[in-house]
Amino acid sequence: MITLPPDLGRAAGRIERSLLQKELRRFVEFADLAMNSGSARRVLLPLQEAYQLMEL
């Protein structure tokens, strides 16, 4: 389960992006270690794109 910031009808602020970055960093690590790592990373890709966190 990934905790996402609430949708407030605006672009994510610095705090929301920072919190999600920490959450995604953990999930990217789990995904990379999974037997189905490609599939797991594809699930995370839309979140990375939405919050401009493609560097993870």
N, C-alpha and C. Protein backbone atom coordinates (compact mmCIF):
# COMPACT_ATOMS: atom_id res chain seq x y z
N MET A 1 0.85 -1.16 0.00
CA MET A 1 0.00 0.00 0.00
C MET A 1 0.90 1.23 0.00
N ILE A 2 0.56 2.17 -0.85
CA ILE A 2 1.28 3.44 -0.93
C ILE A 2 0.37 4.54 -0.42
N THR A 3 0.87 5.37 0.47
CA THR A 3 0.12 6.51 0.96
C THR A 3 0.33 7.68 0.02
N LEU A 4 -0.77 8.20 -0.52
CA LEU A 4 -0.71 9.33 -1.43
C LEU A 4 -1.26 10.57 -0.76
N PRO A 5 -0.74 11.74 -1.14
CA PRO A 5 -1.32 12.98 -0.61
C PRO A 5 -2.75 13.13 -1.13
N PRO A 6 -3.61 13.81 -0.39
CA PRO A 6 -4.98 13.99 -0.86
C PRO A 6 -5.03 14.85 -2.11
N ASP A 7 -6.02 14.60 -2.96
CA ASP A 7 -6.21 15.41 -4.17
C ASP A 7 -6.95 16.67 -3.76
N LEU A 8 -6.27 17.78 -3.78
CA LEU A 8 -6.86 19.05 -3.36
C LEU A 8 -7.26 19.91 -4.54
N GLY A 9 -7.30 19.30 -5.73
CA GLY A 9 -7.71 20.04 -6.91
C GLY A 9 -6.66 21.01 -7.41
N ARG A 10 -5.44 20.77 -7.05
CA ARG A 10 -4.33 21.63 -7.49
C ARG A 10 -3.09 20.77 -7.66
N ALA A 11 -2.07 21.36 -8.20
CA ALA A 11 -0.81 20.63 -8.34
C ALA A 11 -0.24 20.34 -6.95
N ALA A 12 0.49 19.24 -6.84
CA ALA A 12 1.09 18.87 -5.56
C ALA A 12 2.11 19.92 -5.15
N GLY A 13 2.07 20.26 -3.90
CA GLY A 13 3.02 21.22 -3.35
C GLY A 13 4.33 20.53 -2.99
N ARG A 14 5.25 21.32 -2.52
CA ARG A 14 6.58 20.82 -2.15
C ARG A 14 6.49 19.76 -1.06
N ILE A 15 5.65 19.98 -0.06
CA ILE A 15 5.54 19.03 1.05
C ILE A 15 4.94 17.71 0.58
N GLU A 16 3.86 17.78 -0.21
CA GLU A 16 3.23 16.56 -0.71
C GLU A 16 4.21 15.76 -1.57
N ARG A 17 4.92 16.46 -2.42
CA ARG A 17 5.88 15.80 -3.31
C ARG A 17 7.00 15.15 -2.51
N SER A 18 7.47 15.83 -1.48
CA SER A 18 8.53 15.29 -0.63
C SER A 18 8.08 14.01 0.09
N LEU A 19 6.86 14.03 0.62
CA LEU A 19 6.33 12.84 1.29
C LEU A 19 6.19 11.67 0.33
N LEU A 20 5.65 11.95 -0.85
CA LEU A 20 5.48 10.89 -1.82
C LEU A 20 6.83 10.38 -2.32
N GLN A 21 7.80 11.25 -2.44
CA GLN A 21 9.14 10.82 -2.86
C GLN A 21 9.71 9.79 -1.90
N LYS A 22 9.52 10.00 -0.61
CA LYS A 22 10.01 9.05 0.39
C LYS A 22 9.28 7.72 0.27
N GLU A 23 7.95 7.78 0.09
CA GLU A 23 7.17 6.55 -0.06
C GLU A 23 7.58 5.80 -1.32
N LEU A 24 7.68 6.51 -2.43
CA LEU A 24 8.02 5.85 -3.70
C LEU A 24 9.42 5.27 -3.68
N ARG A 25 10.34 5.94 -3.02
CA ARG A 25 11.71 5.43 -2.94
C ARG A 25 11.71 4.03 -2.31
N ARG A 26 10.91 3.85 -1.25
CA ARG A 26 10.81 2.53 -0.62
C ARG A 26 10.19 1.51 -1.57
N PHE A 27 9.14 1.91 -2.26
CA PHE A 27 8.45 0.97 -3.14
C PHE A 27 9.28 0.63 -4.38
N VAL A 28 10.05 1.57 -4.86
CA VAL A 28 10.93 1.28 -6.00
C VAL A 28 11.96 0.23 -5.58
N GLU A 29 12.48 0.35 -4.38
CA GLU A 29 13.44 -0.64 -3.88
C GLU A 29 12.80 -2.02 -3.80
N PHE A 30 11.58 -2.09 -3.25
CA PHE A 30 10.86 -3.37 -3.18
C PHE A 30 10.61 -3.91 -4.59
N ALA A 31 10.18 -3.04 -5.48
CA ALA A 31 9.88 -3.46 -6.85
C ALA A 31 11.13 -4.02 -7.54
N ASP A 32 12.25 -3.35 -7.36
CA ASP A 32 13.48 -3.80 -8.00
C ASP A 32 13.93 -5.17 -7.50
N LEU A 33 13.59 -5.51 -6.27
CA LEU A 33 13.98 -6.80 -5.69
C LEU A 33 12.98 -7.91 -5.99
N ALA A 34 11.82 -7.55 -6.52
CA ALA A 34 10.76 -8.53 -6.77
C ALA A 34 11.08 -9.40 -7.98
N MET A 35 10.54 -10.60 -7.99
CA MET A 35 10.71 -11.49 -9.14
C MET A 35 10.04 -10.89 -10.38
N ASN A 36 8.98 -10.13 -10.19
CA ASN A 36 8.28 -9.48 -11.30
C ASN A 36 8.61 -7.99 -11.32
N SER A 37 9.87 -7.67 -11.23
CA SER A 37 10.28 -6.27 -11.08
C SER A 37 9.80 -5.37 -12.20
N GLY A 38 9.80 -5.86 -13.43
CA GLY A 38 9.33 -5.04 -14.55
C GLY A 38 7.88 -4.65 -14.39
N SER A 39 7.05 -5.61 -14.03
CA SER A 39 5.62 -5.34 -13.82
C SER A 39 5.42 -4.40 -12.64
N ALA A 40 6.16 -4.63 -11.59
CA ALA A 40 6.03 -3.78 -10.39
C ALA A 40 6.42 -2.35 -10.69
N ARG A 41 7.48 -2.15 -11.44
CA ARG A 41 7.92 -0.79 -11.78
C ARG A 41 6.92 -0.10 -12.69
N ARG A 42 6.27 -0.85 -13.59
CA ARG A 42 5.26 -0.26 -14.48
C ARG A 42 4.06 0.26 -13.69
N VAL A 43 3.76 -0.37 -12.58
CA VAL A 43 2.66 0.10 -11.73
C VAL A 43 3.02 1.44 -11.09
N LEU A 44 4.28 1.62 -10.75
CA LEU A 44 4.73 2.85 -10.10
C LEU A 44 4.94 4.01 -11.08
N LEU A 45 5.13 3.70 -12.34
CA LEU A 45 5.45 4.72 -13.34
C LEU A 45 4.43 5.87 -13.41
N PRO A 46 3.13 5.61 -13.42
CA PRO A 46 2.19 6.73 -13.46
C PRO A 46 2.32 7.69 -12.28
N LEU A 47 2.61 7.16 -11.10
CA LEU A 47 2.81 8.02 -9.94
C LEU A 47 4.08 8.85 -10.09
N GLN A 48 5.14 8.21 -10.57
CA GLN A 48 6.39 8.94 -10.78
C GLN A 48 6.18 10.07 -11.77
N GLU A 49 5.44 9.80 -12.84
CA GLU A 49 5.18 10.83 -13.85
C GLU A 49 4.30 11.95 -13.29
N ALA A 50 3.25 11.59 -12.56
CA ALA A 50 2.32 12.58 -12.04
C ALA A 50 2.98 13.56 -11.07
N TYR A 51 3.94 13.08 -10.31
CA TYR A 51 4.60 13.92 -9.31
C TYR A 51 6.02 14.31 -9.71
N GLN A 52 6.36 14.15 -10.99
CA GLN A 52 7.69 14.49 -11.51
C GLN A 52 8.81 13.88 -10.67
N LEU A 53 8.70 12.57 -10.44
CA LEU A 53 9.70 11.83 -9.65
C LEU A 53 10.34 10.73 -10.50
N MET A 54 10.64 11.05 -11.73
CA MET A 54 11.19 10.05 -12.65
C MET A 54 12.62 9.65 -12.29
N GLU A 55 13.29 10.42 -11.45
CA GLU A 55 14.67 10.09 -11.09
C GLU A 55 14.78 8.90 -10.16
N LEU A 56 13.65 8.43 -9.62
CA LEU A 56 13.69 7.30 -8.69
C LEU A 56 13.87 6.00 -9.42
